[in-house]
Amino acid sequence: IVEGLKATRWPGRLDWRQLDDGRMVLLDGAHNPHAAKELGSYVAHFVRPQPVQWIIALSFGKDAKGILQELLQDEDSLTAVSFSKVEAMPWVRPESPAELVKLAREVRPRIRAKEA
């Protein structure tokens, strides 16, 4: 059982990927403050103390402020993005990148945040 758990991979959850240029990126689908808290703890342990460059899209109606509060630090940077229509889930729509930037600045007034 232990070996099976060690070998388990969940795409999109603490999912390290290497880009063509050799840089590593971490993908995670944290979609609520509790999941964001766990992701934030992981990042604090394995990535920090260096600043983190976040690229974030969230669904409209999620607790975006709560999620951002768990993830962002003052020295980080944030690029807020949108996502395409989810064909199988027409009720899902993106939060606007402008709103994410606004909320990020409420949570961390000194953060570098922009829309893309």
Foldseek 3Di string as FASTA:
>chain_A
DVVVVVPDDDPQCQDWDADPVGDIDGGHDPAALVSLLVVQVVCCVPPDPPAEEEEDKYWPPHPLLSSLLNHDDLAHEYEYEFDDQDVVCNVTGIDDQVVSQVSNCVNHVNYHYYYD
